Amino acid sequence: MTTRILLIDSDISLATVLCDYLESRNFQALHVTKGTEALDLLSNSHVDLLLMELHGLERNGFDLLREVRHRSSQLPIIILTTRTEREAQMRAFQLGCDDYVTKPFSMEILICRIEAIMRRVRMREENKQRTFDLNGHVFDATHQSFAGEHLSGRESDLLLMLCRNEGELVDRHHILAHLWKEDNAFTSRSLGVYINHLRRFLRPVGYDILAVRQKGYKLVKL
C-alpha cells in the first residue's frame, strides 16, 4: 500500500529533489506551492501525510497549519522549515504538528521519521472499533457478519471502512488503494459491484451507501 504524501513548499528546486527522492523510496509524492491549492487537494482527494513549510507561502504558515488541523484531526503533519527558533517550534506543536524538521535536513532521517509516524497511524487503525450497531443490527468485522448474515472478506473490509466514517465521504481512491492495492478501471468496476452487494444488506435495515460521482461513498441513514 503506497503512502500518499503532500508537500507544501514554495521552493520548487528543493521540492522537486524531495519529491523525486520520496518516489524513489516508493512513496507517492504530490507538490503544491500555495496553501489554497493544498486545502483544495485535501478536500477532494486522499492524503496520508502532509509535509509543509511555514514561510514563503501566500498565507501565514501557522494559519495554514491551524486550518489543516481544524479540517482533519488525524492527518499526520511534519513541518519542514528554515525557522529554527524555539518559539516557532513550540507554536507549531501547539497548533497540532506531529514533527518539526529544520532545513537543511538528511533525506534518510526524514524517511525514518515518516515511516515511524505511519507505523503509529497503522497501529491506531488496527486498534479501532470493529463492531457497530446499525439500527439494532450488528455488524461484526472480526467475524465478517452483519445481522446474522456472513460477509465476504472484501465486503466486510469495505463496510468497516464506511462504518468508521459514517456520515462522511470516503474517497474512492483511498478505498481502492487500501483494499484492492490498485486504482484502475477494473478495480473501480469491482468496487461498484461490492457497493451494490452491501446495499442489499443495508437498505432493509434503514441504511444506504450514497455515491458521490468521481469522489467516493458515504454510509448514511435513510
C-alpha atoms as a PDB file:
ATOM      1  CA  MET A   1       0.000   0.000   0.000  1.00  0.00           C
ATOM      2  CA  THR A   2       1.610   3.262  -1.171  1.00  0.00           C
ATOM      3  CA  THR A   3       1.729   6.171   1.265  1.00  0.00           C
ATOM      4  CA  ARG A   4       0.471   9.366  -0.409  1.00  0.00           C
ATOM      5  CA  ILE A   5       2.399  12.443   0.733  1.00  0.00           C
ATOM      6  CA  LEU A   6       1.516  16.077   0.015  1.00  0.00           C
ATOM      7  CA  LEU A   7       4.336  18.637   0.142  1.00  0.00           C
ATOM      8  CA  ILE A   8       3.540  22.357   0.514  1.00  0.00           C
ATOM      9  CA  ASP A   9       6.649  24.406  -0.253  1.00  0.00           C
ATOM     10  CA  SER A  10       7.349  27.467  -2.406  1.00  0.00           C
ATOM     11  CA  ASP A  11      10.964  26.338  -3.002  1.00  0.00           C
ATOM     12  CA  ILE A  12      10.415  24.483  -6.258  1.00  0.00           C
ATOM     13  CA  SER A  13      14.030  23.288  -6.595  1.00  0.00           C
ATOM     14  CA  LEU A  14      14.070  21.646  -3.172  1.00  0.00           C
ATOM     15  CA  ALA A  15      10.545  20.304  -3.629  1.00  0.00           C
ATOM     16  CA  THR A  16      11.498  18.646  -6.926  1.00  0.00           C
ATOM     17  CA  VAL A  17      14.503  16.921  -5.356  1.00  0.00           C
ATOM     18  CA  LEU A  18      12.493  15.847  -2.305  1.00  0.00           C
ATOM     19  CA  CYS A  19       9.576  14.507  -4.354  1.00  0.00           C
ATOM     20  CA  ASP A  20      11.949  12.549  -6.598  1.00  0.00           C
ATOM     21  CA  TYR A  21      13.597  11.052  -3.525  1.00  0.00           C
ATOM     22  CA  LEU A  22      10.252  10.142  -1.956  1.00  0.00           C
ATOM     23  CA  GLU A  23       9.166   8.476  -5.199  1.00  0.00           C
ATOM     24  CA  SER A  24      12.433   6.504  -5.273  1.00  0.00           C
ATOM     25  CA  ARG A  25      11.545   5.180  -1.809  1.00  0.00           C
ATOM     26  CA  ASN A  26       8.116   4.003  -3.038  1.00  0.00           C
ATOM     27  CA  PHE A  27       6.053   6.906  -1.690  1.00  0.00           C
ATOM     28  CA  GLN A  28       3.610   8.813  -3.873  1.00  0.00           C
ATOM     29  CA  ALA A  29       4.566  12.492  -3.702  1.00  0.00           C
ATOM     30  CA  LEU A  30       2.400  15.486  -4.615  1.00  0.00           C
ATOM     31  CA  HIS A  31       3.674  19.077  -4.545  1.00  0.00           C
ATOM     32  CA  VAL A  32       1.881  22.430  -4.352  1.00  0.00           C
ATOM     33  CA  THR A  33       3.294  25.901  -3.711  1.00  0.00           C
ATOM     34  CA  LYS A  34       0.187  27.550  -2.253  1.00  0.00           C
ATOM     35  CA  GLY A  35      -1.885  26.893   0.835  1.00  0.00           C
ATOM     36  CA  THR A  36      -5.131  27.310  -1.107  1.00  0.00           C
ATOM     37  CA  GLU A  37      -4.046  24.574  -3.520  1.00  0.00           C
ATOM     38  CA  ALA A  38      -3.236  22.298  -0.597  1.00  0.00           C
ATOM     39  CA  LEU A  39      -6.624  22.866   1.054  1.00  0.00           C
ATOM     40  CA  ASP A  40      -8.426  22.129  -2.228  1.00  0.00           C
ATOM     41  CA  LEU A  41      -6.443  18.922  -2.707  1.00  0.00           C
ATOM     42  CA  LEU A  42      -7.031  17.804   0.879  1.00  0.00           C
ATOM     43  CA  SER A  43     -10.777  18.389   0.430  1.00  0.00           C
ATOM     44  CA  ASN A  44     -11.039  16.407  -2.791  1.00  0.00           C
ATOM     45  CA  SER A  45      -8.580  13.529  -2.540  1.00  0.00           C
ATOM     46  CA  HIS A  46      -6.905  11.259  -0.013  1.00  0.00           C
ATOM     47  CA  VAL A  47      -3.562  12.181   1.552  1.00  0.00           C
ATOM     48  CA  ASP A  48      -1.778  10.011   4.133  1.00  0.00           C
ATOM     49  CA  LEU A  49       0.773  12.556   5.379  1.00  0.00           C
ATOM     50  CA  LEU A  50       1.463  16.273   4.970  1.00  0.00           C
ATOM     51  CA  LEU A  51       4.897  17.930   4.719  1.00  0.00           C
ATOM     52  CA  MET A  52       4.768  21.724   4.910  1.00  0.00           C
ATOM     53  CA  GLU A  53       6.951  24.828   5.078  1.00  0.00           C
ATOM     54  CA  LEU A  54       5.985  27.694   7.389  1.00  0.00           C
ATOM     55  CA  HIS A  55       7.095  30.660   5.278  1.00  0.00           C
ATOM     56  CA  GLY A  56       7.237  31.702   1.658  1.00  0.00           C
ATOM     57  CA  LEU A  57       3.578  30.791   1.100  1.00  0.00           C
ATOM     58  CA  GLU A  58       0.812  33.178   0.053  1.00  0.00           C
ATOM     59  CA  ARG A  59      -0.622  32.969   3.570  1.00  0.00           C
ATOM     60  CA  ASN A  60       0.802  32.680   7.075  1.00  0.00           C
ATOM     61  CA  GLY A  61       2.155  29.168   7.640  1.00  0.00           C
ATOM     62  CA  PHE A  62       0.806  28.959  11.179  1.00  0.00           C
ATOM     63  CA  ASP A  63      -2.666  29.966   9.999  1.00  0.00           C
ATOM     64  CA  LEU A  64      -2.498  27.281   7.322  1.00  0.00           C
ATOM     65  CA  LEU A  65      -1.390  24.686   9.878  1.00  0.00           C
ATOM     66  CA  ARG A  66      -4.299  25.683  12.136  1.00  0.00           C
ATOM     67  CA  GLU A  67      -6.766  25.373   9.224  1.00  0.00           C
ATOM     68  CA  VAL A  68      -5.459  21.953   8.138  1.00  0.00           C
ATOM     69  CA  ARG A  69      -5.618  20.615  11.673  1.00  0.00           C
ATOM     70  CA  HIS A  70      -9.141  22.016  12.097  1.00  0.00           C
ATOM     71  CA  ARG A  71     -10.237  20.129   8.974  1.00  0.00           C
ATOM     72  CA  SER A  72      -8.519  16.879   9.936  1.00  0.00           C
ATOM     73  CA  SER A  73      -7.604  15.923  13.484  1.00  0.00           C
ATOM     74  CA  GLN A  74      -5.899  12.687  12.343  1.00  0.00           C
ATOM     75  CA  LEU A  75      -3.756  13.693   9.341  1.00  0.00           C
ATOM     76  CA  PRO A  76      -0.027  13.374  10.246  1.00  0.00           C
ATOM     77  CA  ILE A  77       1.800  16.689   9.688  1.00  0.00           C
ATOM     78  CA  ILE A  78       5.566  17.225   9.548  1.00  0.00           C
ATOM     79  CA  ILE A  79       6.914  20.783   9.391  1.00  0.00           C
ATOM     80  CA  LEU A  80       9.956  21.260   7.104  1.00  0.00           C
ATOM     81  CA  THR A  81      11.333  24.756   7.622  1.00  0.00           C
ATOM     82  CA  THR A  82      14.334  27.049   7.968  1.00  0.00           C
ATOM     83  CA  ARG A  83      12.795  28.532  11.122  1.00  0.00           C
ATOM     84  CA  THR A  84      14.926  27.241  13.982  1.00  0.00           C
ATOM     85  CA  GLU A  85      13.772  29.499  16.824  1.00  0.00           C
ATOM     86  CA  ARG A  86      12.320  27.758  19.855  1.00  0.00           C
ATOM     87  CA  GLU A  87       9.137  29.872  19.803  1.00  0.00           C
ATOM     88  CA  ALA A  88       8.276  28.782  16.254  1.00  0.00           C
ATOM     89  CA  GLN A  89       8.752  25.134  17.137  1.00  0.00           C
ATOM     90  CA  MET A  90       6.596  25.414  20.243  1.00  0.00           C
ATOM     91  CA  ARG A  91       3.820  27.194  18.354  1.00  0.00           C
ATOM     92  CA  ALA A  92       3.841  24.589  15.579  1.00  0.00           C
ATOM     93  CA  PHE A  93       3.445  21.749  18.084  1.00  0.00           C
ATOM     94  CA  GLN A  94       0.732  23.654  19.940  1.00  0.00           C
ATOM     95  CA  LEU A  95      -1.173  24.012  16.650  1.00  0.00           C
ATOM     96  CA  GLY A  96      -1.008  20.272  16.054  1.00  0.00           C
ATOM     97  CA  CYS A  97       2.024  19.252  14.015  1.00  0.00           C
ATOM     98  CA  ASP A  98       3.444  15.773  14.672  1.00  0.00           C
ATOM     99  CA  ASP A  99       7.098  16.537  13.962  1.00  0.00           C
ATOM    100  CA  TYR A 100       9.304  19.559  13.233  1.00  0.00           C
ATOM    101  CA  VAL A 101      12.347  19.248  10.950  1.00  0.00           C
ATOM    102  CA  THR A 102      14.673  22.180  10.239  1.00  0.00           C
ATOM    103  CA  LYS A 103      16.401  22.749   6.899  1.00  0.00           C
ATOM    104  CA  PRO A 104      18.878  21.563   5.790  1.00  0.00           C
ATOM    105  CA  PHE A 105      17.955  18.023   6.746  1.00  0.00           C
ATOM    106  CA  SER A 106      19.010  14.475   5.946  1.00  0.00           C
ATOM    107  CA  MET A 107      16.715  12.776   3.431  1.00  0.00           C
ATOM    108  CA  GLU A 108      17.372   9.418   5.094  1.00  0.00           C
ATOM    109  CA  ILE A 109      16.409  10.725   8.536  1.00  0.00           C
ATOM    110  CA  LEU A 110      13.259  12.321   7.093  1.00  0.00           C
ATOM    111  CA  ILE A 111      12.249   8.941   5.640  1.00  0.00           C
ATOM    112  CA  CYS A 112      12.779   7.348   9.070  1.00  0.00           C
ATOM    113  CA  ARG A 113      10.557   9.992  10.672  1.00  0.00           C
ATOM    114  CA  ILE A 114       7.830   9.459   8.056  1.00  0.00           C
ATOM    115  CA  GLU A 115       7.937   5.682   8.489  1.00  0.00           C
ATOM    116  CA  ALA A 116       7.778   5.996  12.293  1.00  0.00           C
ATOM    117  CA  ILE A 117       4.686   8.201  12.095  1.00  0.00           C
ATOM    118  CA  MET A 118       2.985   5.916   9.580  1.00  0.00           C
ATOM    119  CA  ARG A 119       3.643   2.894  11.818  1.00  0.00           C
ATOM    120  CA  ARG A 120       1.792   4.669  14.626  1.00  0.00           C
ATOM    121  CA  VAL A 121      -1.063   5.502  12.235  1.00  0.00           C
ATOM    122  CA  ARG A 122      -1.375   1.857  11.168  1.00  0.00           C
ATOM    123  CA  MET A 123      -1.387   0.689  14.789  1.00  0.00           C
ATOM    124  CA  ARG A 124      -4.117   3.212  15.597  1.00  0.00           C
ATOM    125  CA  GLU A 125      -6.195   1.970  12.656  1.00  0.00           C
ATOM    126  CA  GLU A 126      -5.788  -1.665  13.715  1.00  0.00           C
ATOM    127  CA  ASN A 127      -6.999  -0.867  17.242  1.00  0.00           C
ATOM    128  CA  LYS A 128     -10.141   0.954  16.148  1.00  0.00           C
ATOM    129  CA  GLN A 129     -13.694  -0.225  16.764  1.00  0.00           C
ATOM    130  CA  ARG A 130     -14.690  -3.348  14.823  1.00  0.00           C
ATOM    131  CA  THR A 131     -18.319  -3.845  15.946  1.00  0.00           C
ATOM    132  CA  PHE A 132     -21.169  -1.482  15.003  1.00  0.00           C
ATOM    133  CA  ASP A 133     -24.899  -1.267  15.762  1.00  0.00           C
ATOM    134  CA  LEU A 134     -26.873  -0.204  12.691  1.00  0.00           C
ATOM    135  CA  ASN A 135     -30.463   0.347  13.822  1.00  0.00           C
ATOM    136  CA  GLY A 136     -30.320  -2.682  16.100  1.00  0.00           C
ATOM    137  CA  HIS A 137     -28.499  -4.873  13.575  1.00  0.00           C
ATOM    138  CA  VAL A 138     -24.904  -5.754  14.486  1.00  0.00           C
ATOM    139  CA  PHE A 139     -22.027  -5.623  12.029  1.00  0.00           C
ATOM    140  CA  ASP A 140     -19.046  -7.590  13.374  1.00  0.00           C
ATOM    141  CA  ALA A 141     -15.971  -7.055  11.215  1.00  0.00           C
ATOM    142  CA  THR A 142     -13.912  -9.574  13.158  1.00  0.00           C
ATOM    143  CA  HIS A 143     -16.367 -12.397  12.360  1.00  0.00           C
ATOM    144  CA  GLN A 144     -17.402 -10.933   8.972  1.00  0.00           C
ATOM    145  CA  SER A 145     -21.096 -10.942   9.812  1.00  0.00           C
ATOM    146  CA  PHE A 146     -23.979  -8.482   9.559  1.00  0.00           C
ATOM    147  CA  ALA A 147     -27.378  -9.162  11.160  1.00  0.00           C
ATOM    148  CA  GLY A 148     -26.532 -12.872  11.251  1.00  0.00           C
ATOM    149  CA  GLU A 149     -25.518 -12.984   7.562  1.00  0.00           C
ATOM    150  CA  HIS A 150     -21.970 -13.903   6.559  1.00  0.00           C
ATOM    151  CA  LEU A 151     -19.997 -11.357   4.529  1.00  0.00           C
ATOM    152  CA  SER A 152     -17.004 -11.999   2.283  1.00  0.00           C
ATOM    153  CA  GLY A 153     -13.679 -10.610   3.436  1.00  0.00           C
ATOM    154  CA  ARG A 154     -13.805  -7.796   0.873  1.00  0.00           C
ATOM    155  CA  GLU A 155     -17.406  -6.916   1.790  1.00  0.00           C
ATOM    156  CA  SER A 156     -16.514  -6.839   5.473  1.00  0.00           C
ATOM    157  CA  ASP A 157     -13.414  -4.684   4.963  1.00  0.00           C
ATOM    158  CA  LEU A 158     -15.348  -2.234   2.789  1.00  0.00           C
ATOM    159  CA  LEU A 159     -18.251  -1.957   5.223  1.00  0.00           C
ATOM    160  CA  LEU A 160     -15.797  -1.498   8.095  1.00  0.00           C
ATOM    161  CA  MET A 161     -14.198   1.454   6.324  1.00  0.00           C
ATOM    162  CA  LEU A 162     -17.615   3.019   5.706  1.00  0.00           C
ATOM    163  CA  CYS A 163     -18.849   2.417   9.262  1.00  0.00           C
ATOM    164  CA  ARG A 164     -15.755   4.002  10.771  1.00  0.00           C
ATOM    165  CA  ASN A 165     -16.541   7.113   8.713  1.00  0.00           C
ATOM    166  CA  GLU A 166     -20.359   7.052   8.939  1.00  0.00           C
ATOM    167  CA  GLY A 167     -21.858  10.222   7.500  1.00  0.00           C
ATOM    168  CA  GLU A 168     -18.527  11.284   5.959  1.00  0.00           C
ATOM    169  CA  LEU A 169     -17.302  10.911   2.396  1.00  0.00           C
ATOM    170  CA  VAL A 170     -14.693   8.156   1.955  1.00  0.00           C
ATOM    171  CA  ASP A 171     -12.502   8.880  -1.047  1.00  0.00           C
ATOM    172  CA  ARG A 172     -12.763   6.167  -3.730  1.00  0.00           C
ATOM    173  CA  HIS A 173      -9.002   6.333  -4.415  1.00  0.00           C
ATOM    174  CA  HIS A 174      -8.401   5.720  -0.709  1.00  0.00           C
ATOM    175  CA  ILE A 175     -10.710   2.677  -0.766  1.00  0.00           C
ATOM    176  CA  LEU A 176      -9.054   1.205  -3.855  1.00  0.00           C
ATOM    177  CA  ALA A 177      -5.535   1.831  -2.547  1.00  0.00           C
ATOM    178  CA  HIS A 178      -6.270   0.180   0.806  1.00  0.00           C
ATOM    179  CA  LEU A 179      -8.494  -2.735  -0.236  1.00  0.00           C
ATOM    180  CA  TRP A 180      -7.562  -3.524  -3.847  1.00  0.00           C
ATOM    181  CA  LYS A 181      -3.996  -2.138  -3.827  1.00  0.00           C
ATOM    182  CA  GLU A 182      -4.657  -0.866  -7.370  1.00  0.00           C
ATOM    183  CA  ASP A 183      -6.674   2.011  -8.857  1.00  0.00           C
ATOM    184  CA  ASN A 184      -7.763   1.291 -12.419  1.00  0.00           C
ATOM    185  CA  ALA A 185     -10.902   0.723 -14.495  1.00  0.00           C
ATOM    186  CA  PHE A 186     -11.201  -2.931 -13.475  1.00  0.00           C
ATOM    187  CA  THR A 187     -10.890  -2.299  -9.715  1.00  0.00           C
ATOM    188  CA  SER A 188     -13.283   0.669  -9.967  1.00  0.00           C
ATOM    189  CA  ARG A 189     -15.941  -1.593 -11.519  1.00  0.00           C
ATOM    190  CA  SER A 190     -15.266  -4.221  -8.863  1.00  0.00           C
ATOM    191  CA  LEU A 191     -15.743  -1.603  -6.134  1.00  0.00           C
ATOM    192  CA  GLY A 192     -19.111  -0.668  -7.640  1.00  0.00           C
ATOM    193  CA  VAL A 193     -20.194  -4.315  -7.563  1.00  0.00           C
ATOM    194  CA  TYR A 194     -19.291  -4.660  -3.872  1.00  0.00           C
ATOM    195  CA  ILE A 195     -21.089  -1.421  -3.036  1.00  0.00           C
ATOM    196  CA  ASN A 196     -24.256  -2.853  -4.612  1.00  0.00           C
ATOM    197  CA  HIS A 197     -23.814  -6.102  -2.647  1.00  0.00           C
ATOM    198  CA  LEU A 198     -23.659  -4.171   0.609  1.00  0.00           C
ATOM    199  CA  ARG A 199     -26.685  -2.058  -0.278  1.00  0.00           C
ATOM    200  CA  ARG A 200     -28.782  -5.234  -0.364  1.00  0.00           C
ATOM    201  CA  PHE A 201     -27.875  -5.832   3.297  1.00  0.00           C
ATOM    202  CA  LEU A 202     -28.160  -2.220   4.403  1.00  0.00           C
ATOM    203  CA  ARG A 203     -31.341  -0.869   2.805  1.00  0.00           C
ATOM    204  CA  PRO A 204     -33.731  -3.273   4.595  1.00  0.00           C
ATOM    205  CA  VAL A 205     -32.385  -2.049   7.970  1.00  0.00           C
ATOM    206  CA  GLY A 206     -32.582   1.673   7.197  1.00  0.00           C
ATOM    207  CA  TYR A 207     -29.114   2.438   5.837  1.00  0.00           C
ATOM    208  CA  ASP A 208     -27.701   3.125   2.383  1.00  0.00           C
ATOM    209  CA  ILE A 209     -24.407   3.924   0.673  1.00  0.00           C
ATOM    210  CA  LEU A 210     -24.516   7.278  -1.096  1.00  0.00           C
ATOM    211  CA  ALA A 211     -22.287   7.552  -4.172  1.00  0.00           C
ATOM    212  CA  VAL A 212     -20.717  10.956  -4.863  1.00  0.00           C
ATOM    213  CA  ARG A 213     -19.719  10.942  -8.527  1.00  0.00           C
ATOM    214  CA  GLN A 214     -15.969  10.752  -9.171  1.00  0.00           C
ATOM    215  CA  LYS A 215     -15.268  11.254  -5.455  1.00  0.00           C
ATOM    216  CA  GLY A 216     -16.350   8.410  -3.236  1.00  0.00           C
ATOM    217  CA  TYR A 217     -19.005   6.882  -0.990  1.00  0.00           C
ATOM    218  CA  LYS A 218     -20.792   7.739   2.229  1.00  0.00           C
ATOM    219  CA  LEU A 219     -22.719   5.484   4.668  1.00  0.00           C
ATOM    220  CA  VAL A 220     -25.984   7.270   5.587  1.00  0.00           C
ATOM    221  CA  LYS A 221     -29.218   6.598   7.419  1.00  0.00           C
ATOM    222  CA  LEU A 222     -32.372   6.536   5.289  1.00  0.00           C
END
